Amino acid sequence: MKVLNIHEVGDVRLDDYELPEHGPRDAVVKMKACGICGSDLSYIKWGGIMRKPGGVTPIGHEGSGEVIYVGSEVDGLSVGQPVIINPMMTPSNIGSGGPEGAFVDELLVREAEAGTNLLPIPAGIPYEVAAMCEPLAVAMHGVNRADVKAGDKVVVFGCGPIGLGMILWLVDRGVTDVVALDLAQERLDRALALGARAALNPAEVDLREELGKLHGTEMCMHKPAVGTDAYIDAAGAANIAPDVVAMAKFHSRLVVTAAYHNPVQLSLGTMLTSEMTITTAVGYPTEMPDVVAAMPRLRDKIATLISHRVPFAEVLDGLKLAGTPASAKVMVHFEEAGA
């Protein structure tokens, strides 16, 4: 068997692998599909996460597969059952610094719990669609934090897999006045296909002017503002928050879901006059079950978020694809990944 490990900065390899010893409270999942996340690419650039000197970091956390072992003290799971892994609910946060990563032929899930860290896949859902649960849960949490409702005007910065997932959830909730922003035309096209009202390249337009045309304008404490109700940052560009603060209307909201590694300077004086809210969203504390429940209804839309498919043996090529602007979700398949 093989496992994908980070050894050093920029050094990721498919290594030989033996399944660790597993006990009565564990389960083992034969992997069927696993998506490549932007976090995986970041971990490779950093040389791993929580990696001990001379050690490795196994990666992969967007996985689904078939249960092939159930410990005697684990209830609610059965051999042959299709499941989605919830890495945030595993003891080692699978794929983010612990001893297990989901880019592996057989995954040990320690302290397995049905409905908590292993979620049953609804009937008729392919493994690759099921593996979209994790990024879609991240996207749903960001939308939840934005506290939007049907009829609101929303801007999404960044149309990678998370941003596209946010557009999917916004439109599904009746928030149809969504403006998508990205530098790659391929991703803007995907946003429009998901139901965004407009898709703009912010490097090619005066964003404030265009949002004023689309969402209207109003005065906010004697200064002009655009009529956008909520902004969601899934891009991570340093200018986004300052630009939003400068054009925000009274009581508008900004949710930051992108990872920032450097400080960003804001005009608190401008924020004071608009009483806008800036908050953040990370992970998916409660959202995974809601995503699973929506999968039968949104199966076909979810499938459109997958731009590339590669076999596990070619995962290193998949990592390169995932780093290109033309990609959305790159999905790694392990043998057959059907329903």
C-alpha atoms as a PDB file:
ATOM      1  CA  MET A   1       0.000   0.000   0.000  1.00  0.00           C
ATOM      2  CA  LYS A   2       0.968   3.655  -0.417  1.00  0.00           C
ATOM      3  CA  VAL A   3       0.547   6.871   1.560  1.00  0.00           C
ATOM      4  CA  LEU A   4       1.202  10.483   0.539  1.00  0.00           C
ATOM      5  CA  ASN A   5       3.713  12.102   2.908  1.00  0.00           C
ATOM      6  CA  ILE A   6       5.409  15.485   3.157  1.00  0.00           C
ATOM      7  CA  HIS A   7       9.107  15.063   3.975  1.00  0.00           C
ATOM      8  CA  GLU A   8      10.478  18.593   3.684  1.00  0.00           C
ATOM      9  CA  VAL A   9       9.584  21.944   2.143  1.00  0.00           C
ATOM     10  CA  GLY A  10       8.286  21.186  -1.348  1.00  0.00           C
ATOM     11  CA  ASP A  11       9.092  17.493  -0.928  1.00  0.00           C
ATOM     12  CA  VAL A  12       6.011  15.263  -1.058  1.00  0.00           C
ATOM     13  CA  ARG A  13       6.218  11.564  -1.896  1.00  0.00           C
ATOM     14  CA  LEU A  14       4.156   8.414  -2.292  1.00  0.00           C
ATOM     15  CA  ASP A  15       5.731   6.137   0.329  1.00  0.00           C
ATOM     16  CA  ASP A  16       5.218   2.477   1.116  1.00  0.00           C
ATOM     17  CA  TYR A  17       2.704   1.992   3.898  1.00  0.00           C
ATOM     18  CA  GLU A  18       1.613  -0.610   6.414  1.00  0.00           C
ATOM     19  CA  LEU A  19      -1.660  -0.243   8.248  1.00  0.00           C
ATOM     20  CA  PRO A  20      -1.003   0.595  11.926  1.00  0.00           C
ATOM     21  CA  GLU A  21      -2.290  -1.679  14.641  1.00  0.00           C
ATOM     22  CA  HIS A  22      -5.981  -1.050  15.241  1.00  0.00           C
ATOM     23  CA  GLY A  23      -8.073  -1.786  18.274  1.00  0.00           C
ATOM     24  CA  PRO A  24     -11.635  -2.280  19.514  1.00  0.00           C
ATOM     25  CA  ARG A  25     -12.560   1.423  19.296  1.00  0.00           C
ATOM     26  CA  ASP A  26     -11.155   1.947  15.788  1.00  0.00           C
ATOM     27  CA  ALA A  27     -12.351   1.476  12.216  1.00  0.00           C
ATOM     28  CA  VAL A  28     -10.512   1.041   8.925  1.00  0.00           C
ATOM     29  CA  VAL A  29     -11.778   2.585   5.685  1.00  0.00           C
ATOM     30  CA  LYS A  30     -10.706   1.478   2.212  1.00  0.00           C
ATOM     31  CA  MET A  31     -10.385   4.827   0.491  1.00  0.00           C
ATOM     32  CA  LYS A  32     -12.372   5.415  -2.684  1.00  0.00           C
ATOM     33  CA  ALA A  33     -12.055   9.175  -3.322  1.00  0.00           C
ATOM     34  CA  CYS A  34     -10.242  12.129  -1.766  1.00  0.00           C
ATOM     35  CA  GLY A  35     -10.151  15.736  -2.894  1.00  0.00           C
ATOM     36  CA  ILE A  36      -7.025  17.887  -2.995  1.00  0.00           C
ATOM     37  CA  CYS A  37      -7.417  20.929  -0.763  1.00  0.00           C
ATOM     38  CA  GLY A  38      -5.619  24.243  -0.851  1.00  0.00           C
ATOM     39  CA  SER A  39      -4.482  23.414   2.667  1.00  0.00           C
ATOM     40  CA  ASP A  40      -2.642  20.375   1.298  1.00  0.00           C
ATOM     41  CA  LEU A  41      -0.731  22.639  -1.083  1.00  0.00           C
ATOM     42  CA  SER A  42       0.081  25.040   1.764  1.00  0.00           C
ATOM     43  CA  TYR A  43       1.335  22.218   3.990  1.00  0.00           C
ATOM     44  CA  ILE A  44       3.694  21.154   1.193  1.00  0.00           C
ATOM     45  CA  LYS A  45       5.047  24.705   0.884  1.00  0.00           C
ATOM     46  CA  TRP A  46       5.609  24.811   4.666  1.00  0.00           C
ATOM     47  CA  GLY A  47       7.321  21.430   4.745  1.00  0.00           C
ATOM     48  CA  GLY A  48       4.507  19.799   6.705  1.00  0.00           C
ATOM     49  CA  ILE A  49       2.510  20.706   9.781  1.00  0.00           C
ATOM     50  CA  MET A  50       3.495  19.691  13.313  1.00  0.00           C
ATOM     51  CA  ARG A  51       6.162  17.514  11.707  1.00  0.00           C
ATOM     52  CA  LYS A  52       8.878  16.219  13.991  1.00  0.00           C
ATOM     53  CA  PRO A  53      12.511  16.576  12.801  1.00  0.00           C
ATOM     54  CA  GLY A  54      13.201  13.757  10.373  1.00  0.00           C
ATOM     55  CA  GLY A  55       9.543  12.774  10.361  1.00  0.00           C
ATOM     56  CA  VAL A  56       6.761  13.132   7.803  1.00  0.00           C
ATOM     57  CA  THR A  57       3.297  14.688   7.564  1.00  0.00           C
ATOM     58  CA  PRO A  58       0.632  12.467   5.962  1.00  0.00           C
ATOM     59  CA  ILE A  59      -1.924  14.624   4.154  1.00  0.00           C
ATOM     60  CA  GLY A  60      -5.448  14.349   2.736  1.00  0.00           C
ATOM     61  CA  HIS A  61      -8.653  15.129   4.614  1.00  0.00           C
ATOM     62  CA  GLU A  62     -11.494  15.266   2.057  1.00  0.00           C
ATOM     63  CA  GLY A  63     -12.178  11.559   1.857  1.00  0.00           C
ATOM     64  CA  SER A  64     -14.808   8.877   1.414  1.00  0.00           C
ATOM     65  CA  GLY A  65     -14.584   5.119   1.275  1.00  0.00           C
ATOM     66  CA  GLU A  66     -15.822   1.724   2.367  1.00  0.00           C
ATOM     67  CA  VAL A  67     -15.560   0.378   5.904  1.00  0.00           C
ATOM     68  CA  ILE A  68     -13.459  -2.811   5.957  1.00  0.00           C
ATOM     69  CA  TYR A  69     -12.917  -3.189   9.727  1.00  0.00           C
ATOM     70  CA  VAL A  70     -15.055  -2.261  12.717  1.00  0.00           C
ATOM     71  CA  GLY A  71     -13.745  -2.604  16.263  1.00  0.00           C
ATOM     72  CA  SER A  72     -15.764  -4.596  18.768  1.00  0.00           C
ATOM     73  CA  GLU A  73     -16.592  -1.482  20.808  1.00  0.00           C
ATOM     74  CA  VAL A  74     -17.764   0.610  17.838  1.00  0.00           C
ATOM     75  CA  ASP A  75     -21.533   0.850  17.387  1.00  0.00           C
ATOM     76  CA  GLY A  76     -23.504   1.811  14.288  1.00  0.00           C
ATOM     77  CA  LEU A  77     -20.930   0.860  11.667  1.00  0.00           C
ATOM     78  CA  SER A  78     -20.721  -2.257   9.540  1.00  0.00           C
ATOM     79  CA  VAL A  79     -18.185  -3.764   7.156  1.00  0.00           C
ATOM     80  CA  GLY A  80     -19.034  -2.774   3.574  1.00  0.00           C
ATOM     81  CA  GLN A  81     -20.702   0.494   4.581  1.00  0.00           C
ATOM     82  CA  PRO A  82     -19.918   3.584   2.435  1.00  0.00           C
ATOM     83  CA  VAL A  83     -18.824   6.493   4.638  1.00  0.00           C
ATOM     84  CA  ILE A  84     -17.508  10.050   4.631  1.00  0.00           C
ATOM     85  CA  ILE A  85     -14.647  10.929   6.967  1.00  0.00           C
ATOM     86  CA  ASN A  86     -15.089  13.989   9.178  1.00  0.00           C
ATOM     87  CA  PRO A  87     -11.433  14.742   9.969  1.00  0.00           C
ATOM     88  CA  MET A  88     -12.208  17.517  12.472  1.00  0.00           C
ATOM     89  CA  MET A  89     -13.922  14.973  14.711  1.00  0.00           C
ATOM     90  CA  THR A  90     -11.024  12.502  14.720  1.00  0.00           C
ATOM     91  CA  PRO A  91      -8.443  12.547  17.556  1.00  0.00           C
ATOM     92  CA  SER A  92      -5.595  13.412  15.196  1.00  0.00           C
ATOM     93  CA  ASN A  93      -7.556  15.743  12.868  1.00  0.00           C
ATOM     94  CA  ILE A  94      -6.764  13.453   9.939  1.00  0.00           C
ATOM     95  CA  GLY A  95      -4.545  15.024   7.288  1.00  0.00           C
ATOM     96  CA  SER A  96      -3.578  18.087   9.317  1.00  0.00           C
ATOM     97  CA  GLY A  97      -0.572  17.105  11.380  1.00  0.00           C
ATOM     98  CA  GLY A  98      -1.513  13.799  12.952  1.00  0.00           C
ATOM     99  CA  PRO A  99      -0.289  10.290  12.160  1.00  0.00           C
ATOM    100  CA  GLU A 100      -2.956   9.635   9.506  1.00  0.00           C
ATOM    101  CA  GLY A 101      -3.763  11.228   6.160  1.00  0.00           C
ATOM    102  CA  ALA A 102      -6.550  10.262   3.783  1.00  0.00           C
ATOM    103  CA  PHE A 103      -4.335   9.939   0.710  1.00  0.00           C
ATOM    104  CA  VAL A 104      -3.730   6.302   1.577  1.00  0.00           C
ATOM    105  CA  ASP A 105      -5.086   2.958   0.398  1.00  0.00           C
ATOM    106  CA  GLU A 106      -6.520   2.013   3.795  1.00  0.00           C
ATOM    107  CA  LEU A 107      -7.187   4.664   6.438  1.00  0.00           C
ATOM    108  CA  LEU A 108      -7.157   3.995  10.176  1.00  0.00           C
ATOM    109  CA  VAL A 109      -9.848   6.048  11.917  1.00  0.00           C
ATOM    110  CA  ARG A 110      -9.067   6.091  15.627  1.00  0.00           C
ATOM    111  CA  GLU A 111     -11.921   6.394  18.127  1.00  0.00           C
ATOM    112  CA  ALA A 112     -14.426   5.764  15.350  1.00  0.00           C
ATOM    113  CA  GLU A 113     -17.973   6.993  15.928  1.00  0.00           C
ATOM    114  CA  ALA A 114     -20.864   6.518  13.515  1.00  0.00           C
ATOM    115  CA  GLY A 115     -22.491   9.832  12.692  1.00  0.00           C
ATOM    116  CA  THR A 116     -19.624  11.817  14.210  1.00  0.00           C
ATOM    117  CA  ASN A 117     -16.351  11.126  12.416  1.00  0.00           C
ATOM    118  CA  LEU A 118     -17.743   8.540   9.982  1.00  0.00           C
ATOM    119  CA  LEU A 119     -20.946   9.630   8.268  1.00  0.00           C
ATOM    120  CA  PRO A 120     -23.032   7.216   6.160  1.00  0.00           C
ATOM    121  CA  ILE A 121     -23.185   8.136   2.470  1.00  0.00           C
ATOM    122  CA  PRO A 122     -26.785   8.478   1.216  1.00  0.00           C
ATOM    123  CA  ALA A 123     -27.923   5.862  -1.281  1.00  0.00           C
ATOM    124  CA  GLY A 124     -27.035   6.663  -4.875  1.00  0.00           C
ATOM    125  CA  ILE A 125     -24.310   9.199  -4.070  1.00  0.00           C
ATOM    126  CA  PRO A 126     -20.998   8.422  -5.817  1.00  0.00           C
ATOM    127  CA  TYR A 127     -17.880   8.341  -3.675  1.00  0.00           C
ATOM    128  CA  GLU A 128     -16.423  11.382  -5.447  1.00  0.00           C
ATOM    129  CA  VAL A 129     -19.514  13.470  -4.680  1.00  0.00           C
ATOM    130  CA  ALA A 130     -19.448  12.214  -1.095  1.00  0.00           C
ATOM    131  CA  ALA A 131     -15.812  13.321  -0.819  1.00  0.00           C
ATOM    132  CA  MET A 132     -16.962  16.880  -1.570  1.00  0.00           C
ATOM    133  CA  CYS A 133     -18.671  16.953   1.818  1.00  0.00           C
ATOM    134  CA  GLU A 134     -15.687  18.399   3.668  1.00  0.00           C
ATOM    135  CA  PRO A 135     -15.040  21.446   1.438  1.00  0.00           C
ATOM    136  CA  LEU A 136     -18.776  22.016   1.081  1.00  0.00           C
ATOM    137  CA  ALA A 137     -19.078  22.025   4.876  1.00  0.00           C
ATOM    138  CA  VAL A 138     -16.345  24.686   5.046  1.00  0.00           C
ATOM    139  CA  ALA A 139     -18.284  26.705   2.479  1.00  0.00           C
ATOM    140  CA  MET A 140     -21.577  26.263   4.341  1.00  0.00           C
ATOM    141  CA  HIS A 141     -20.006  27.426   7.604  1.00  0.00           C
ATOM    142  CA  GLY A 142     -18.806  30.596   5.892  1.00  0.00           C
ATOM    143  CA  VAL A 143     -22.293  31.248   4.534  1.00  0.00           C
ATOM    144  CA  ASN A 144     -23.810  30.552   7.954  1.00  0.00           C
ATOM    145  CA  ARG A 145     -21.442  33.061   9.540  1.00  0.00           C
ATOM    146  CA  ALA A 146     -22.540  35.668   6.986  1.00  0.00           C
ATOM    147  CA  ASP A 147     -26.098  35.397   8.345  1.00  0.00           C
ATOM    148  CA  VAL A 148     -27.682  36.015   4.951  1.00  0.00           C
ATOM    149  CA  LYS A 149     -31.242  35.486   3.804  1.00  0.00           C
ATOM    150  CA  ALA A 150     -33.133  35.374   0.529  1.00  0.00           C
ATOM    151  CA  GLY A 151     -33.088  38.777  -1.097  1.00  0.00           C
ATOM    152  CA  ASP A 152     -29.723  39.852   0.339  1.00  0.00           C
ATOM    153  CA  LYS A 153     -26.971  41.123  -1.942  1.00  0.00           C
ATOM    154  CA  VAL A 154     -23.712  39.188  -1.484  1.00  0.00           C
ATOM    155  CA  VAL A 155     -20.184  39.351  -2.914  1.00  0.00           C
ATOM    156  CA  VAL A 156     -17.892  36.297  -2.878  1.00  0.00           C
ATOM    157  CA  PHE A 157     -14.173  36.973  -3.292  1.00  0.00           C
ATOM    158  CA  GLY A 158     -12.461  33.916  -4.812  1.00  0.00           C
ATOM    159  CA  CYS A 159     -14.021  31.150  -6.898  1.00  0.00           C
ATOM    160  CA  GLY A 160     -11.856  28.217  -5.944  1.00  0.00           C
ATOM    161  CA  PRO A 161     -13.630  25.155  -4.538  1.00  0.00           C
ATOM    162  CA  ILE A 162     -14.621  26.911  -1.295  1.00  0.00           C
ATOM    163  CA  GLY A 163     -15.879  30.058  -2.996  1.00  0.00           C
ATOM    164  CA  LEU A 164     -17.809  28.019  -5.556  1.00  0.00           C
ATOM    165  CA  GLY A 165     -19.299  25.991  -2.728  1.00  0.00           C
ATOM    166  CA  MET A 166     -20.430  29.225  -1.091  1.00  0.00           C
ATOM    167  CA  ILE A 167     -22.134  30.306  -4.292  1.00  0.00           C
ATOM    168  CA  LEU A 168     -23.871  26.930  -4.454  1.00  0.00           C
ATOM    169  CA  TRP A 169     -25.225  27.315  -0.899  1.00  0.00           C
ATOM    170  CA  LEU A 170     -26.172  30.978  -1.334  1.00  0.00           C
ATOM    171  CA  VAL A 171     -28.193  30.279  -4.462  1.00  0.00           C
ATOM    172  CA  ASP A 172     -29.734  27.208  -2.835  1.00  0.00           C
ATOM    173  CA  ARG A 173     -30.977  29.431   0.006  1.00  0.00           C
ATOM    174  CA  GLY A 174     -32.562  31.923  -2.356  1.00  0.00           C
ATOM    175  CA  VAL A 175     -29.746  34.464  -2.254  1.00  0.00           C
ATOM    176  CA  THR A 176     -29.713  34.988  -5.995  1.00  0.00           C
ATOM    177  CA  ASP A 177     -28.054  38.428  -6.119  1.00  0.00           C
ATOM    178  CA  VAL A 178     -24.516  37.051  -5.809  1.00  0.00           C
ATOM    179  CA  VAL A 179     -21.490  38.691  -7.423  1.00  0.00           C
ATOM    180  CA  ALA A 180     -18.524  36.355  -7.850  1.00  0.00           C
ATOM    181  CA  LEU A 181     -14.965  37.667  -8.119  1.00  0.00           C
ATOM    182  CA  ASP A 182     -11.873  35.851  -9.372  1.00  0.00           C
ATOM    183  CA  LEU A 183      -8.867  36.384 -11.621  1.00  0.00           C
ATOM    184  CA  ALA A 184      -9.417  33.180 -13.656  1.00  0.00           C
ATOM    185  CA  GLN A 185     -12.074  33.163 -16.356  1.00  0.00           C
ATOM    186  CA  GLU A 186     -12.616  29.411 -15.993  1.00  0.00           C
ATOM    187  CA  ARG A 187     -13.647  29.876 -12.383  1.00  0.00           C
ATOM    188  CA  LEU A 188     -15.865  32.846 -13.197  1.00  0.00           C
ATOM    189  CA  ASP A 189     -17.648  30.681 -15.781  1.00  0.00           C
ATOM    190  CA  ARG A 190     -18.236  28.039 -13.109  1.00  0.00           C
ATOM    191  CA  ALA A 191     -19.680  30.671 -10.776  1.00  0.00           C
ATOM    192  CA  LEU A 192     -22.155  31.792 -13.424  1.00  0.00           C
ATOM    193  CA  ALA A 193     -23.155  28.186 -14.084  1.00  0.00           C
ATOM    194  CA  LEU A 194     -23.943  27.799 -10.377  1.00  0.00           C
ATOM    195  CA  GLY A 195     -26.281  30.783 -10.469  1.00  0.00           C
ATOM    196  CA  ALA A 196     -24.221  33.872  -9.659  1.00  0.00           C
ATOM    197  CA  ARG A 197     -25.833  37.035 -11.023  1.00  0.00           C
ATOM    198  CA  ALA A 198     -22.484  38.409 -12.194  1.00  0.00           C
ATOM    199  CA  ALA A 199     -18.884  37.225 -12.294  1.00  0.00           C
ATOM    200  CA  LEU A 200     -16.121  39.831 -12.457  1.00  0.00           C
ATOM    201  CA  ASN A 201     -12.356  39.939 -12.635  1.00  0.00           C
ATOM    202  CA  PRO A 202     -11.425  42.623 -10.055  1.00  0.00           C
ATOM    203  CA  ALA A 203      -8.143  43.285 -11.867  1.00  0.00           C
ATOM    204  CA  GLU A 204     -10.051  44.398 -14.959  1.00  0.00           C
ATOM    205  CA  VAL A 205     -12.851  46.537 -13.487  1.00  0.00           C
ATOM    206  CA  ASP A 206     -13.413  49.303 -10.951  1.00  0.00           C
ATOM    207  CA  LEU A 207     -14.982  47.020  -8.358  1.00  0.00           C
ATOM    208  CA  ARG A 208     -16.666  49.730  -6.327  1.00  0.00           C
ATOM    209  CA  GLU A 209     -18.221  51.220  -9.463  1.00  0.00           C
ATOM    210  CA  GLU A 210     -19.437  47.830 -10.730  1.00  0.00           C
ATOM    211  CA  LEU A 211     -20.922  46.850  -7.369  1.00  0.00           C
ATOM    212  CA  GLY A 212     -22.667  50.195  -7.254  1.00  0.00           C
ATOM    213  CA  LYS A 213     -24.287  49.417 -10.587  1.00  0.00           C
ATOM    214  CA  LEU A 214     -25.305  45.911  -9.513  1.00  0.00           C
ATOM    215  CA  HIS A 215     -26.258  46.452  -5.859  1.00  0.00           C
ATOM    216  CA  GLY A 216     -27.083  50.133  -5.840  1.00  0.00           C
ATOM    217  CA  THR A 217     -25.543  52.960  -3.810  1.00  0.00           C
ATOM    218  CA  GLU A 218     -26.521  54.847  -0.677  1.00  0.00           C
ATOM    219  CA  MET A 219     -25.109  57.345   1.767  1.00  0.00           C
ATOM    220  CA  CYS A 220     -23.525  56.172   5.004  1.00  0.00           C
ATOM    221  CA  MET A 221     -22.745  58.975   7.481  1.00  0.00           C
ATOM    222  CA  HIS A 222     -22.183  61.506   4.703  1.00  0.00           C
ATOM    223  CA  LYS A 223     -20.054  59.160   2.600  1.00  0.00           C
ATOM    224  CA  PRO A 224     -21.125  57.134  -0.452  1.00  0.00           C
ATOM    225  CA  ALA A 225     -21.389  53.347  -0.011  1.00  0.00           C
ATOM    226  CA  VAL A 226     -22.451  50.390  -2.148  1.00  0.00           C
ATOM    227  CA  GLY A 227     -25.611  48.438  -1.369  1.00  0.00           C
ATOM    228  CA  THR A 228     -23.979  45.053  -0.759  1.00  0.00           C
ATOM    229  CA  ASP A 229     -25.269  43.360   2.413  1.00  0.00           C
ATOM    230  CA  ALA A 230     -22.506  40.802   2.943  1.00  0.00           C
ATOM    231  CA  TYR A 231     -19.034  40.060   1.626  1.00  0.00           C
ATOM    232  CA  ILE A 232     -17.309  36.679   1.960  1.00  0.00           C
ATOM    233  CA  ASP A 233     -13.542  36.501   1.517  1.00  0.00           C
ATOM    234  CA  ALA A 234     -12.432  33.113   0.186  1.00  0.00           C
ATOM    235  CA  ALA A 235      -9.459  34.598  -1.664  1.00  0.00           C
ATOM    236  CA  GLY A 236      -7.079  36.012   0.927  1.00  0.00           C
ATOM    237  CA  ALA A 237      -5.775  39.063  -0.941  1.00  0.00           C
ATOM    238  CA  ALA A 238      -4.437  41.789   1.346  1.00  0.00           C
ATOM    239  CA  ASN A 239      -6.515  44.536  -0.271  1.00  0.00           C
ATOM    240  CA  ILE A 240      -9.909  42.855   0.206  1.00  0.00           C
ATOM    241  CA  ALA A 241     -10.735  43.886   3.782  1.00  0.00           C
ATOM    242  CA  PRO A 242      -9.521  47.503   3.360  1.00  0.00           C
ATOM    243  CA  ASP A 243     -11.495  47.837   0.116  1.00  0.00           C
ATOM    244  CA  VAL A 244     -14.637  46.430   1.727  1.00  0.00           C
ATOM    245  CA  VAL A 245     -14.327  48.750   4.725  1.00  0.00           C
ATOM    246  CA  ALA A 246     -13.993  51.722   2.388  1.00  0.00           C
ATOM    247  CA  MET A 247     -17.201  50.961   0.449  1.00  0.00           C
ATOM    248  CA  ALA A 248     -19.342  49.210   3.087  1.00  0.00           C
ATOM    249  CA  LYS A 249     -22.833  50.436   3.836  1.00  0.00           C
ATOM    250  CA  PHE A 250     -24.404  50.691   7.286  1.00  0.00           C
ATOM    251  CA  HIS A 251     -24.448  47.331   9.119  1.00  0.00           C
ATOM    252  CA  SER A 252     -22.961  45.329   6.262  1.00  0.00           C
ATOM    253  CA  ARG A 253     -20.894  42.241   7.064  1.00  0.00           C
ATOM    254  CA  LEU A 254     -17.552  40.763   6.012  1.00  0.00           C
ATOM    255  CA  VAL A 255     -16.727  37.102   6.698  1.00  0.00           C
ATOM    256  CA  VAL A 256     -13.092  36.078   6.280  1.00  0.00           C
ATOM    257  CA  THR A 257     -12.637  32.401   5.473  1.00  0.00           C
ATOM    258  CA  ALA A 258      -9.285  32.680   3.691  1.00  0.00           C
ATOM    259  CA  ALA A 259      -6.020  32.060   5.552  1.00  0.00           C
ATOM    260  CA  TYR A 260      -3.885  35.161   6.114  1.00  0.00           C
ATOM    261  CA  HIS A 261      -0.254  34.937   7.178  1.00  0.00           C
ATOM    262  CA  ASN A 262       0.511  38.648   7.394  1.00  0.00           C
ATOM    263  CA  PRO A 263      -1.222  41.555   9.163  1.00  0.00           C
ATOM    264  CA  VAL A 264      -3.739  43.673   7.252  1.00  0.00           C
ATOM    265  CA  GLN A 265      -4.151  47.380   8.005  1.00  0.00           C
ATOM    266  CA  LEU A 266      -7.731  48.669   8.333  1.00  0.00           C
ATOM    267  CA  SER A 267      -9.269  52.112   8.763  1.00  0.00           C
ATOM    268  CA  LEU A 268     -11.160  51.753  12.024  1.00  0.00           C
ATOM    269  CA  GLY A 269     -12.393  55.319  11.665  1.00  0.00           C
ATOM    270  CA  THR A 270     -14.203  54.375   8.472  1.00  0.00           C
ATOM    271  CA  MET A 271     -15.556  51.218  10.112  1.00  0.00           C
ATOM    272  CA  LEU A 272     -16.878  53.305  12.987  1.00  0.00           C
ATOM    273  CA  THR A 273     -19.190  55.279  10.743  1.00  0.00           C
ATOM    274  CA  SER A 274     -20.692  52.224   9.038  1.00  0.00           C
ATOM    275  CA  GLU A 275     -20.963  50.004  12.134  1.00  0.00           C
ATOM    276  CA  MET A 276     -20.067  47.130   9.857  1.00  0.00           C
ATOM    277  CA  THR A 277     -19.125  43.704  11.214  1.00  0.00           C
ATOM    278  CA  ILE A 278     -15.989  41.740  10.388  1.00  0.00           C
ATOM    279  CA  THR A 279     -15.903  38.142  11.521  1.00  0.00           C
ATOM    280  CA  THR A 280     -14.188  34.894  10.547  1.00  0.00           C
ATOM    281  CA  ALA A 281     -15.157  31.330   9.724  1.00  0.00           C
ATOM    282  CA  VAL A 282     -12.970  28.258  10.052  1.00  0.00           C
ATOM    283  CA  GLY A 283     -13.808  24.607   9.563  1.00  0.00           C
ATOM    284  CA  TYR A 284     -17.308  23.207  10.027  1.00  0.00           C
ATOM    285  CA  PRO A 285     -18.287  22.782  13.690  1.00  0.00           C
ATOM    286  CA  THR A 286     -21.800  21.496  12.912  1.00  0.00           C
ATOM    287  CA  GLU A 287     -22.298  21.607   9.149  1.00  0.00           C
ATOM    288  CA  MET A 288     -21.264  18.177   7.824  1.00  0.00           C
ATOM    289  CA  PRO A 289     -24.568  16.402   8.570  1.00  0.00           C
ATOM    290  CA  ASP A 290     -26.455  19.212   6.826  1.00  0.00           C
ATOM    291  CA  VAL A 291     -24.261  18.823   3.743  1.00  0.00           C
ATOM    292  CA  VAL A 292     -24.835  15.060   3.701  1.00  0.00           C
ATOM    293  CA  ALA A 293     -28.595  15.597   3.954  1.00  0.00           C
ATOM    294  CA  ALA A 294     -28.520  17.956   0.954  1.00  0.00           C
ATOM    295  CA  MET A 295     -26.450  15.670  -1.277  1.00  0.00           C
ATOM    296  CA  PRO A 296     -29.307  13.679  -2.838  1.00  0.00           C
ATOM    297  CA  ARG A 297     -30.979  16.941  -3.872  1.00  0.00           C
ATOM    298  CA  LEU A 298     -27.811  18.686  -5.096  1.00  0.00           C
ATOM    299  CA  ARG A 299     -25.851  15.695  -6.422  1.00  0.00           C
ATOM    300  CA  ASP A 300     -25.537  16.941 -10.008  1.00  0.00           C
ATOM    301  CA  LYS A 301     -24.573  20.493  -9.005  1.00  0.00           C
ATOM    302  CA  ILE A 302     -21.955  19.210  -6.598  1.00  0.00           C
ATOM    303  CA  ALA A 303     -20.439  17.038  -9.322  1.00  0.00           C
ATOM    304  CA  THR A 304     -19.861  20.130 -11.486  1.00  0.00           C
ATOM    305  CA  LEU A 305     -17.381  21.435  -8.891  1.00  0.00           C
ATOM    306  CA  ILE A 306     -14.979  18.603  -9.805  1.00  0.00           C
ATOM    307  CA  SER A 307     -12.739  19.817 -12.620  1.00  0.00           C
ATOM    308  CA  HIS A 308     -10.143  17.019 -12.762  1.00  0.00           C
ATOM    309  CA  ARG A 309      -9.944  13.361 -11.780  1.00  0.00           C
ATOM    310  CA  VAL A 310      -6.678  11.458 -11.295  1.00  0.00           C
ATOM    311  CA  PRO A 311      -5.877   7.949 -10.030  1.00  0.00           C
ATOM    312  CA  PHE A 312      -4.068   7.682  -6.699  1.00  0.00           C
ATOM    313  CA  ALA A 313      -0.914   6.516  -8.474  1.00  0.00           C
ATOM    314  CA  GLU A 314      -0.809   9.926 -10.198  1.00  0.00           C
ATOM    315  CA  VAL A 315      -1.619  12.048  -7.138  1.00  0.00           C
ATOM    316  CA  LEU A 316       1.613  14.043  -7.536  1.00  0.00           C
ATOM    317  CA  ASP A 317       0.353  15.180 -10.942  1.00  0.00           C
ATOM    318  CA  GLY A 318      -2.960  16.000  -9.302  1.00  0.00           C
ATOM    319  CA  LEU A 319      -1.205  18.294  -6.831  1.00  0.00           C
ATOM    320  CA  LYS A 320       0.265  20.240  -9.741  1.00  0.00           C
ATOM    321  CA  LEU A 321      -3.171  20.541 -11.361  1.00  0.00           C
ATOM    322  CA  ALA A 322      -4.706  21.778  -8.116  1.00  0.00           C
ATOM    323  CA  GLY A 323      -2.227  24.655  -8.068  1.00  0.00           C
ATOM    324  CA  THR A 324      -3.408  26.022 -11.422  1.00  0.00           C
ATOM    325  CA  PRO A 325      -6.078  28.730 -11.844  1.00  0.00           C
ATOM    326  CA  ALA A 326      -8.000  26.557 -14.308  1.00  0.00           C
ATOM    327  CA  SER A 327      -8.786  23.922 -11.690  1.00  0.00           C
ATOM    328  CA  ALA A 328     -11.726  23.723  -9.342  1.00  0.00           C
ATOM    329  CA  LYS A 329     -11.709  20.535  -7.247  1.00  0.00           C
ATOM    330  CA  VAL A 330      -9.127  17.931  -8.247  1.00  0.00           C
ATOM    331  CA  MET A 331     -10.429  14.536  -7.138  1.00  0.00           C
ATOM    332  CA  VAL A 332      -8.176  11.552  -6.520  1.00  0.00           C
ATOM    333  CA  HIS A 333      -9.736   8.143  -7.176  1.00  0.00           C
ATOM    334  CA  PHE A 334      -8.710   4.895  -5.524  1.00  0.00           C
ATOM    335  CA  GLU A 335      -9.682   2.023  -7.829  1.00  0.00           C
ATOM    336  CA  GLU A 336     -13.412   2.254  -8.534  1.00  0.00           C
ATOM    337  CA  ALA A 337     -15.159   5.302  -7.075  1.00  0.00           C
ATOM    338  CA  GLY A 338     -18.734   4.666  -8.144  1.00  0.00           C
ATOM    339  CA  ALA A 339     -21.836   4.840  -5.990  1.00  0.00           C
END
